[in-house]
Protein backbone atom coordinates (compact mmCIF):
# COMPACT_ATOMS: atom_id res chain seq x y z
CA UNK A 1 0.00 0.00 0.00
CA UNK A 2 1.46 3.32 -1.11
CA UNK A 3 1.78 5.99 1.58
CA UNK A 4 0.22 9.32 0.69
CA UNK A 5 2.68 12.21 0.39
CA UNK A 6 1.99 15.07 2.81
CA UNK A 7 3.11 18.69 3.11
CA UNK A 8 2.81 21.35 5.76
CA UNK A 9 -0.24 23.59 5.15
CA UNK A 10 0.78 27.19 4.52
CA UNK A 11 -1.97 28.32 6.89
CA UNK A 12 -2.39 26.07 9.90
CA UNK A 13 0.87 24.17 9.58
CA UNK A 14 -0.80 20.74 9.72
CA UNK A 15 0.52 17.88 7.63
CA UNK A 16 -2.02 17.57 4.81
CA UNK A 17 -2.21 15.62 1.55
CA UNK A 18 0.12 16.98 -1.11
CA UNK A 19 -2.38 17.40 -3.91
CA UNK A 20 -3.11 19.78 -6.73
CA UNK A 21 -6.47 21.42 -6.41
CA UNK A 22 -8.44 24.55 -5.64
CA UNK A 23 -7.92 26.79 -2.64
CA UNK A 24 -9.89 29.66 -1.14
CA UNK A 25 -9.70 33.04 -2.85
CA UNK A 26 -8.06 34.89 0.07
CA UNK A 27 -7.58 32.46 2.96
CA UNK A 28 -4.05 31.12 3.18
CA UNK A 29 -4.49 27.40 2.68
CA UNK A 30 -2.90 24.51 0.83
CA UNK A 31 -5.03 22.42 -1.57
CA UNK A 32 -4.89 19.34 0.67
CA UNK A 33 -6.03 21.30 3.70
CA UNK A 34 -8.81 22.97 1.72
CA UNK A 35 -9.98 19.52 0.59
CA UNK A 36 -10.05 18.21 4.17
CA UNK A 37 -12.10 21.24 5.19
CA UNK A 38 -14.47 20.55 2.29
CA UNK A 39 -14.83 16.95 3.47
CA UNK A 40 -15.85 18.16 6.94
CA UNK A 41 -18.31 20.66 5.47
CA UNK A 42 -19.85 17.89 3.35
CA UNK A 43 -20.30 15.77 6.47
CA UNK A 44 -21.90 18.68 8.33
CA UNK A 45 -24.21 19.70 5.51
CA UNK A 46 -25.15 16.07 4.96
CA UNK A 47 -26.35 15.40 8.50
CA UNK A 48 -28.19 17.82 10.82
CA UNK A 49 -26.51 16.25 13.86
CA UNK A 50 -23.06 17.13 12.51
CA UNK A 51 -24.29 20.54 11.41
CA UNK A 52 -24.91 21.63 15.01
CA UNK A 53 -21.30 22.86 15.36
CA UNK A 54 -20.87 24.11 11.79
CA UNK A 55 -20.49 27.73 12.92
CA UNK A 56 -17.45 26.79 15.02
CA UNK A 57 -15.95 24.71 12.21
CA UNK A 58 -16.00 27.63 9.79
CA UNK A 59 -14.66 30.15 12.31
CA UNK A 60 -11.87 27.91 13.62
CA UNK A 61 -10.72 27.12 10.10
CA UNK A 62 -10.78 30.76 9.02
CA UNK A 63 -8.70 32.05 11.92
CA UNK A 64 -6.05 29.40 11.25
CA UNK A 65 -5.77 30.33 7.56
CA UNK A 66 -5.28 34.08 7.61
CA UNK A 67 -3.85 34.75 4.20
CA UNK A 68 -2.20 37.90 2.92
CA UNK A 69 -3.03 41.22 4.55
CA UNK A 70 -5.73 43.04 2.60
CA UNK A 71 -9.26 44.39 3.08
CA UNK A 72 -11.05 41.03 2.76
CA UNK A 73 -8.58 39.27 5.01
CA UNK A 74 -8.73 41.99 7.66
CA UNK A 75 -12.51 41.89 7.67
CA UNK A 76 -12.57 38.09 7.69
CA UNK A 77 -10.21 37.58 10.61
CA UNK A 78 -11.97 40.17 12.75
CA UNK A 79 -15.43 38.77 12.04
CA UNK A 80 -14.46 35.13 12.55
CA UNK A 81 -12.74 35.98 15.84
CA UNK A 82 -15.82 37.98 16.81
CA UNK A 83 -17.96 34.92 16.09
CA UNK A 84 -15.73 32.68 18.22
CA UNK A 85 -15.80 35.21 21.05
CA UNK A 86 -19.60 35.48 20.91
CA UNK A 87 -20.03 31.71 20.98
CA UNK A 88 -17.31 30.76 23.45
CA UNK A 89 -17.23 33.70 25.85
CA UNK A 90 -20.84 34.88 25.74
CA UNK A 91 -22.74 31.68 24.97
CA UNK A 92 -24.45 33.20 21.95
CA UNK A 93 -26.41 30.61 20.01
CA UNK A 94 -24.78 29.67 16.73
CA UNK A 95 -27.89 30.67 14.79
CA UNK A 96 -27.71 34.27 16.13
CA UNK A 97 -24.02 34.77 15.30
CA UNK A 98 -24.46 35.49 11.56
CA UNK A 99 -26.79 38.37 12.46
CA UNK A 100 -24.19 39.77 14.87
CA UNK A 101 -21.48 39.39 12.22
CA UNK A 102 -23.60 41.18 9.64
CA UNK A 103 -24.52 43.99 12.05
CA UNK A 104 -20.88 44.48 13.04
CA UNK A 105 -19.74 44.35 9.43
CA UNK A 106 -22.18 47.13 8.56
CA UNK A 107 -21.03 49.17 11.56
CA UNK A 108 -17.27 48.59 11.35
CA UNK A 109 -16.55 48.00 7.65
CA UNK A 110 -13.39 49.94 6.86
CA UNK A 111 -12.66 50.31 10.59
CA UNK A 112 -11.41 46.79 11.28
CA UNK A 113 -7.63 46.68 11.64
CA UNK A 114 -5.03 44.10 10.72
CA UNK A 115 -4.40 41.76 13.65
CA UNK A 116 -0.89 40.39 13.76
CA UNK A 117 -1.27 36.61 13.86
CA UNK A 118 0.07 34.74 16.87
CA UNK A 119 3.19 32.60 16.47
CA UNK A 120 1.03 29.51 16.97
CA UNK A 121 -2.47 29.40 15.53
CA UNK A 122 -3.36 26.52 17.84
CA UNK A 123 -2.44 22.87 18.12
CA UNK A 124 -5.75 21.43 16.91
CA UNK A 125 -6.38 21.59 13.16
CA UNK A 126 -8.70 20.42 10.44
CA UNK A 127 -6.71 17.16 10.34
CA UNK A 128 -7.83 16.40 13.91
CA UNK A 129 -11.43 17.21 12.99
CA UNK A 130 -11.37 14.64 10.18
CA UNK A 131 -10.60 11.85 12.67
CA UNK A 132 -14.02 11.97 14.37
CA UNK A 133 -15.93 8.71 13.85
CA UNK A 134 -19.19 9.67 15.56
CA UNK A 135 -21.36 12.77 15.94
CA UNK A 136 -20.27 13.02 19.58
CA UNK A 137 -16.57 12.86 18.69
CA UNK A 138 -17.09 15.42 15.93
CA UNK A 139 -18.84 17.86 18.27
CA UNK A 140 -16.16 17.40 20.95
CA UNK A 141 -13.24 17.94 18.55
CA UNK A 142 -14.84 20.94 16.83
CA UNK A 143 -15.52 22.61 20.20
CA UNK A 144 -11.94 21.93 21.32
CA UNK A 145 -10.62 23.25 17.99
CA UNK A 146 -12.68 26.43 18.31
CA UNK A 147 -11.50 27.03 21.89
CA UNK A 148 -7.88 26.28 20.93
CA UNK A 149 -7.89 28.73 18.02
CA UNK A 150 -9.67 31.43 20.04
CA UNK A 151 -7.10 31.03 22.82
CA UNK A 152 -4.26 31.27 20.30
CA UNK A 153 -5.43 34.80 19.42
CA UNK A 154 -5.52 35.91 23.08
CA UNK A 155 -3.45 39.05 22.52
CA UNK A 156 -6.39 40.43 20.48
CA UNK A 157 -9.25 39.37 22.77
CA UNK A 158 -9.82 42.86 24.25
CA UNK A 159 -10.05 44.43 20.79
CA UNK A 160 -12.52 41.77 19.60
CA UNK A 161 -14.60 42.12 22.79
CA UNK A 162 -15.03 45.85 22.04
CA UNK A 163 -16.77 45.00 18.76
CA UNK A 164 -19.36 43.06 20.75
CA UNK A 165 -20.21 45.87 23.17
CA UNK A 166 -23.88 46.79 23.31
CA UNK A 167 -25.22 43.50 21.95
CA UNK A 168 -28.19 42.00 23.77
CA UNK A 169 -27.38 38.29 23.99
CA UNK A 170 -30.75 37.27 25.39
C-alpha atoms as a PDB file:
ATOM      1  CA  UNK A   1       0.000   0.000   0.000  1.00  0.00           C
ATOM      2  CA  UNK A   2       1.461   3.320  -1.109  1.00  0.00           C
ATOM      3  CA  UNK A   3       1.775   5.988   1.576  1.00  0.00           C
ATOM      4  CA  UNK A   4       0.221   9.325   0.693  1.00  0.00           C
ATOM      5  CA  UNK A   5       2.678  12.214   0.388  1.00  0.00           C
ATOM      6  CA  UNK A   6       1.994  15.074   2.814  1.00  0.00           C
ATOM      7  CA  UNK A   7       3.109  18.688   3.105  1.00  0.00           C
ATOM      8  CA  UNK A   8       2.806  21.346   5.758  1.00  0.00           C
ATOM      9  CA  UNK A   9      -0.244  23.586   5.155  1.00  0.00           C
ATOM     10  CA  UNK A  10       0.778  27.188   4.515  1.00  0.00           C
ATOM     11  CA  UNK A  11      -1.972  28.323   6.891  1.00  0.00           C
ATOM     12  CA  UNK A  12      -2.393  26.074   9.902  1.00  0.00           C
ATOM     13  CA  UNK A  13       0.868  24.167   9.576  1.00  0.00           C
ATOM     14  CA  UNK A  14      -0.802  20.738   9.724  1.00  0.00           C
ATOM     15  CA  UNK A  15       0.519  17.882   7.627  1.00  0.00           C
ATOM     16  CA  UNK A  16      -2.025  17.574   4.812  1.00  0.00           C
ATOM     17  CA  UNK A  17      -2.215  15.616   1.548  1.00  0.00           C
ATOM     18  CA  UNK A  18       0.125  16.982  -1.113  1.00  0.00           C
ATOM     19  CA  UNK A  19      -2.383  17.396  -3.909  1.00  0.00           C
ATOM     20  CA  UNK A  20      -3.105  19.781  -6.725  1.00  0.00           C
ATOM     21  CA  UNK A  21      -6.473  21.421  -6.410  1.00  0.00           C
ATOM     22  CA  UNK A  22      -8.442  24.547  -5.637  1.00  0.00           C
ATOM     23  CA  UNK A  23      -7.915  26.794  -2.638  1.00  0.00           C
ATOM     24  CA  UNK A  24      -9.888  29.659  -1.138  1.00  0.00           C
ATOM     25  CA  UNK A  25      -9.700  33.036  -2.855  1.00  0.00           C
ATOM     26  CA  UNK A  26      -8.060  34.888   0.067  1.00  0.00           C
ATOM     27  CA  UNK A  27      -7.578  32.459   2.958  1.00  0.00           C
ATOM     28  CA  UNK A  28      -4.045  31.117   3.180  1.00  0.00           C
ATOM     29  CA  UNK A  29      -4.489  27.403   2.680  1.00  0.00           C
ATOM     30  CA  UNK A  30      -2.902  24.511   0.832  1.00  0.00           C
ATOM     31  CA  UNK A  31      -5.033  22.425  -1.568  1.00  0.00           C
ATOM     32  CA  UNK A  32      -4.889  19.336   0.673  1.00  0.00           C
ATOM     33  CA  UNK A  33      -6.033  21.301   3.699  1.00  0.00           C
ATOM     34  CA  UNK A  34      -8.812  22.973   1.719  1.00  0.00           C
ATOM     35  CA  UNK A  35      -9.980  19.516   0.591  1.00  0.00           C
ATOM     36  CA  UNK A  36     -10.052  18.212   4.174  1.00  0.00           C
ATOM     37  CA  UNK A  37     -12.095  21.242   5.187  1.00  0.00           C
ATOM     38  CA  UNK A  38     -14.469  20.551   2.294  1.00  0.00           C
ATOM     39  CA  UNK A  39     -14.831  16.952   3.467  1.00  0.00           C
ATOM     40  CA  UNK A  40     -15.847  18.157   6.938  1.00  0.00           C
ATOM     41  CA  UNK A  41     -18.310  20.657   5.474  1.00  0.00           C
ATOM     42  CA  UNK A  42     -19.850  17.888   3.349  1.00  0.00           C
ATOM     43  CA  UNK A  43     -20.298  15.773   6.475  1.00  0.00           C
ATOM     44  CA  UNK A  44     -21.899  18.682   8.335  1.00  0.00           C
ATOM     45  CA  UNK A  45     -24.209  19.701   5.507  1.00  0.00           C
ATOM     46  CA  UNK A  46     -25.149  16.065   4.962  1.00  0.00           C
ATOM     47  CA  UNK A  47     -26.348  15.399   8.502  1.00  0.00           C
ATOM     48  CA  UNK A  48     -28.190  17.824  10.819  1.00  0.00           C
ATOM     49  CA  UNK A  49     -26.514  16.246  13.856  1.00  0.00           C
ATOM     50  CA  UNK A  50     -23.059  17.125  12.511  1.00  0.00           C
ATOM     51  CA  UNK A  51     -24.295  20.543  11.411  1.00  0.00           C
ATOM     52  CA  UNK A  52     -24.907  21.629  15.010  1.00  0.00           C
ATOM     53  CA  UNK A  53     -21.297  22.860  15.362  1.00  0.00           C
ATOM     54  CA  UNK A  54     -20.867  24.109  11.789  1.00  0.00           C
ATOM     55  CA  UNK A  55     -20.487  27.731  12.919  1.00  0.00           C
ATOM     56  CA  UNK A  56     -17.451  26.790  15.024  1.00  0.00           C
ATOM     57  CA  UNK A  57     -15.954  24.713  12.209  1.00  0.00           C
ATOM     58  CA  UNK A  58     -15.996  27.635   9.795  1.00  0.00           C
ATOM     59  CA  UNK A  59     -14.656  30.151  12.306  1.00  0.00           C
ATOM     60  CA  UNK A  60     -11.873  27.909  13.622  1.00  0.00           C
ATOM     61  CA  UNK A  61     -10.716  27.123  10.095  1.00  0.00           C
ATOM     62  CA  UNK A  62     -10.782  30.763   9.016  1.00  0.00           C
ATOM     63  CA  UNK A  63      -8.695  32.054  11.924  1.00  0.00           C
ATOM     64  CA  UNK A  64      -6.048  29.405  11.254  1.00  0.00           C
ATOM     65  CA  UNK A  65      -5.774  30.327   7.564  1.00  0.00           C
ATOM     66  CA  UNK A  66      -5.282  34.081   7.606  1.00  0.00           C
ATOM     67  CA  UNK A  67      -3.847  34.746   4.196  1.00  0.00           C
ATOM     68  CA  UNK A  68      -2.204  37.905   2.922  1.00  0.00           C
ATOM     69  CA  UNK A  69      -3.032  41.221   4.550  1.00  0.00           C
ATOM     70  CA  UNK A  70      -5.731  43.037   2.598  1.00  0.00           C
ATOM     71  CA  UNK A  71      -9.264  44.390   3.081  1.00  0.00           C
ATOM     72  CA  UNK A  72     -11.054  41.028   2.757  1.00  0.00           C
ATOM     73  CA  UNK A  73      -8.579  39.267   5.013  1.00  0.00           C
ATOM     74  CA  UNK A  74      -8.735  41.995   7.658  1.00  0.00           C
ATOM     75  CA  UNK A  75     -12.512  41.892   7.668  1.00  0.00           C
ATOM     76  CA  UNK A  76     -12.574  38.089   7.687  1.00  0.00           C
ATOM     77  CA  UNK A  77     -10.212  37.580  10.615  1.00  0.00           C
ATOM     78  CA  UNK A  78     -11.972  40.175  12.753  1.00  0.00           C
ATOM     79  CA  UNK A  79     -15.432  38.768  12.036  1.00  0.00           C
ATOM     80  CA  UNK A  80     -14.461  35.130  12.550  1.00  0.00           C
ATOM     81  CA  UNK A  81     -12.741  35.978  15.836  1.00  0.00           C
ATOM     82  CA  UNK A  82     -15.818  37.983  16.809  1.00  0.00           C
ATOM     83  CA  UNK A  83     -17.965  34.916  16.087  1.00  0.00           C
ATOM     84  CA  UNK A  84     -15.727  32.681  18.216  1.00  0.00           C
ATOM     85  CA  UNK A  85     -15.804  35.215  21.047  1.00  0.00           C
ATOM     86  CA  UNK A  86     -19.598  35.483  20.912  1.00  0.00           C
ATOM     87  CA  UNK A  87     -20.031  31.707  20.984  1.00  0.00           C
ATOM     88  CA  UNK A  88     -17.314  30.759  23.455  1.00  0.00           C
ATOM     89  CA  UNK A  89     -17.233  33.700  25.850  1.00  0.00           C
ATOM     90  CA  UNK A  90     -20.843  34.877  25.741  1.00  0.00           C
ATOM     91  CA  UNK A  91     -22.739  31.685  24.967  1.00  0.00           C
ATOM     92  CA  UNK A  92     -24.453  33.199  21.946  1.00  0.00           C
ATOM     93  CA  UNK A  93     -26.407  30.610  20.008  1.00  0.00           C
ATOM     94  CA  UNK A  94     -24.782  29.671  16.731  1.00  0.00           C
ATOM     95  CA  UNK A  95     -27.892  30.670  14.793  1.00  0.00           C
ATOM     96  CA  UNK A  96     -27.711  34.266  16.126  1.00  0.00           C
ATOM     97  CA  UNK A  97     -24.024  34.768  15.305  1.00  0.00           C
ATOM     98  CA  UNK A  98     -24.456  35.491  11.564  1.00  0.00           C
ATOM     99  CA  UNK A  99     -26.794  38.370  12.463  1.00  0.00           C
ATOM    100  CA  UNK A 100     -24.194  39.775  14.870  1.00  0.00           C
ATOM    101  CA  UNK A 101     -21.482  39.387  12.222  1.00  0.00           C
ATOM    102  CA  UNK A 102     -23.604  41.178   9.640  1.00  0.00           C
ATOM    103  CA  UNK A 103     -24.518  43.994  12.048  1.00  0.00           C
ATOM    104  CA  UNK A 104     -20.881  44.484  13.036  1.00  0.00           C
ATOM    105  CA  UNK A 105     -19.742  44.346   9.430  1.00  0.00           C
ATOM    106  CA  UNK A 106     -22.180  47.135   8.557  1.00  0.00           C
ATOM    107  CA  UNK A 107     -21.035  49.167  11.564  1.00  0.00           C
ATOM    108  CA  UNK A 108     -17.272  48.588  11.347  1.00  0.00           C
ATOM    109  CA  UNK A 109     -16.550  48.004   7.650  1.00  0.00           C
ATOM    110  CA  UNK A 110     -13.391  49.937   6.858  1.00  0.00           C
ATOM    111  CA  UNK A 111     -12.661  50.308  10.589  1.00  0.00           C
ATOM    112  CA  UNK A 112     -11.412  46.790  11.281  1.00  0.00           C
ATOM    113  CA  UNK A 113      -7.626  46.684  11.643  1.00  0.00           C
ATOM    114  CA  UNK A 114      -5.027  44.101  10.719  1.00  0.00           C
ATOM    115  CA  UNK A 115      -4.404  41.761  13.646  1.00  0.00           C
ATOM    116  CA  UNK A 116      -0.888  40.395  13.763  1.00  0.00           C
ATOM    117  CA  UNK A 117      -1.268  36.611  13.856  1.00  0.00           C
ATOM    118  CA  UNK A 118       0.070  34.740  16.868  1.00  0.00           C
ATOM    119  CA  UNK A 119       3.189  32.598  16.467  1.00  0.00           C
ATOM    120  CA  UNK A 120       1.028  29.512  16.971  1.00  0.00           C
ATOM    121  CA  UNK A 121      -2.470  29.395  15.527  1.00  0.00           C
ATOM    122  CA  UNK A 122      -3.359  26.523  17.837  1.00  0.00           C
ATOM    123  CA  UNK A 123      -2.440  22.867  18.123  1.00  0.00           C
ATOM    124  CA  UNK A 124      -5.754  21.430  16.913  1.00  0.00           C
ATOM    125  CA  UNK A 125      -6.381  21.587  13.161  1.00  0.00           C
ATOM    126  CA  UNK A 126      -8.702  20.420  10.438  1.00  0.00           C
ATOM    127  CA  UNK A 127      -6.712  17.161  10.345  1.00  0.00           C
ATOM    128  CA  UNK A 128      -7.830  16.397  13.914  1.00  0.00           C
ATOM    129  CA  UNK A 129     -11.429  17.214  12.991  1.00  0.00           C
ATOM    130  CA  UNK A 130     -11.373  14.636  10.184  1.00  0.00           C
ATOM    131  CA  UNK A 131     -10.601  11.852  12.674  1.00  0.00           C
ATOM    132  CA  UNK A 132     -14.021  11.967  14.372  1.00  0.00           C
ATOM    133  CA  UNK A 133     -15.929   8.713  13.846  1.00  0.00           C
ATOM    134  CA  UNK A 134     -19.195   9.674  15.556  1.00  0.00           C
ATOM    135  CA  UNK A 135     -21.358  12.769  15.939  1.00  0.00           C
ATOM    136  CA  UNK A 136     -20.274  13.016  19.579  1.00  0.00           C
ATOM    137  CA  UNK A 137     -16.573  12.864  18.686  1.00  0.00           C
ATOM    138  CA  UNK A 138     -17.095  15.425  15.929  1.00  0.00           C
ATOM    139  CA  UNK A 139     -18.838  17.857  18.270  1.00  0.00           C
ATOM    140  CA  UNK A 140     -16.162  17.405  20.948  1.00  0.00           C
ATOM    141  CA  UNK A 141     -13.242  17.935  18.547  1.00  0.00           C
ATOM    142  CA  UNK A 142     -14.842  20.936  16.834  1.00  0.00           C
ATOM    143  CA  UNK A 143     -15.524  22.612  20.199  1.00  0.00           C
ATOM    144  CA  UNK A 144     -11.943  21.932  21.325  1.00  0.00           C
ATOM    145  CA  UNK A 145     -10.622  23.249  17.992  1.00  0.00           C
ATOM    146  CA  UNK A 146     -12.679  26.432  18.314  1.00  0.00           C
ATOM    147  CA  UNK A 147     -11.497  27.027  21.885  1.00  0.00           C
ATOM    148  CA  UNK A 148      -7.883  26.281  20.931  1.00  0.00           C
ATOM    149  CA  UNK A 149      -7.890  28.729  18.022  1.00  0.00           C
ATOM    150  CA  UNK A 150      -9.675  31.431  20.040  1.00  0.00           C
ATOM    151  CA  UNK A 151      -7.101  31.032  22.825  1.00  0.00           C
ATOM    152  CA  UNK A 152      -4.259  31.271  20.302  1.00  0.00           C
ATOM    153  CA  UNK A 153      -5.434  34.800  19.417  1.00  0.00           C
ATOM    154  CA  UNK A 154      -5.518  35.908  23.082  1.00  0.00           C
ATOM    155  CA  UNK A 155      -3.446  39.052  22.517  1.00  0.00           C
ATOM    156  CA  UNK A 156      -6.394  40.427  20.480  1.00  0.00           C
ATOM    157  CA  UNK A 157      -9.247  39.369  22.775  1.00  0.00           C
ATOM    158  CA  UNK A 158      -9.823  42.856  24.248  1.00  0.00           C
ATOM    159  CA  UNK A 159     -10.050  44.430  20.792  1.00  0.00           C
ATOM    160  CA  UNK A 160     -12.517  41.773  19.603  1.00  0.00           C
ATOM    161  CA  UNK A 161     -14.597  42.123  22.790  1.00  0.00           C
ATOM    162  CA  UNK A 162     -15.034  45.848  22.036  1.00  0.00           C
ATOM    163  CA  UNK A 163     -16.774  45.001  18.756  1.00  0.00           C
ATOM    164  CA  UNK A 164     -19.357  43.058  20.752  1.00  0.00           C
ATOM    165  CA  UNK A 165     -20.213  45.870  23.173  1.00  0.00           C
ATOM    166  CA  UNK A 166     -23.876  46.787  23.308  1.00  0.00           C
ATOM    167  CA  UNK A 167     -25.224  43.497  21.950  1.00  0.00           C
ATOM    168  CA  UNK A 168     -28.193  42.003  23.769  1.00  0.00           C
ATOM    169  CA  UNK A 169     -27.378  38.285  23.986  1.00  0.00           C
ATOM    170  CA  UNK A 170     -30.749  37.265  25.391  1.00  0.00           C
END
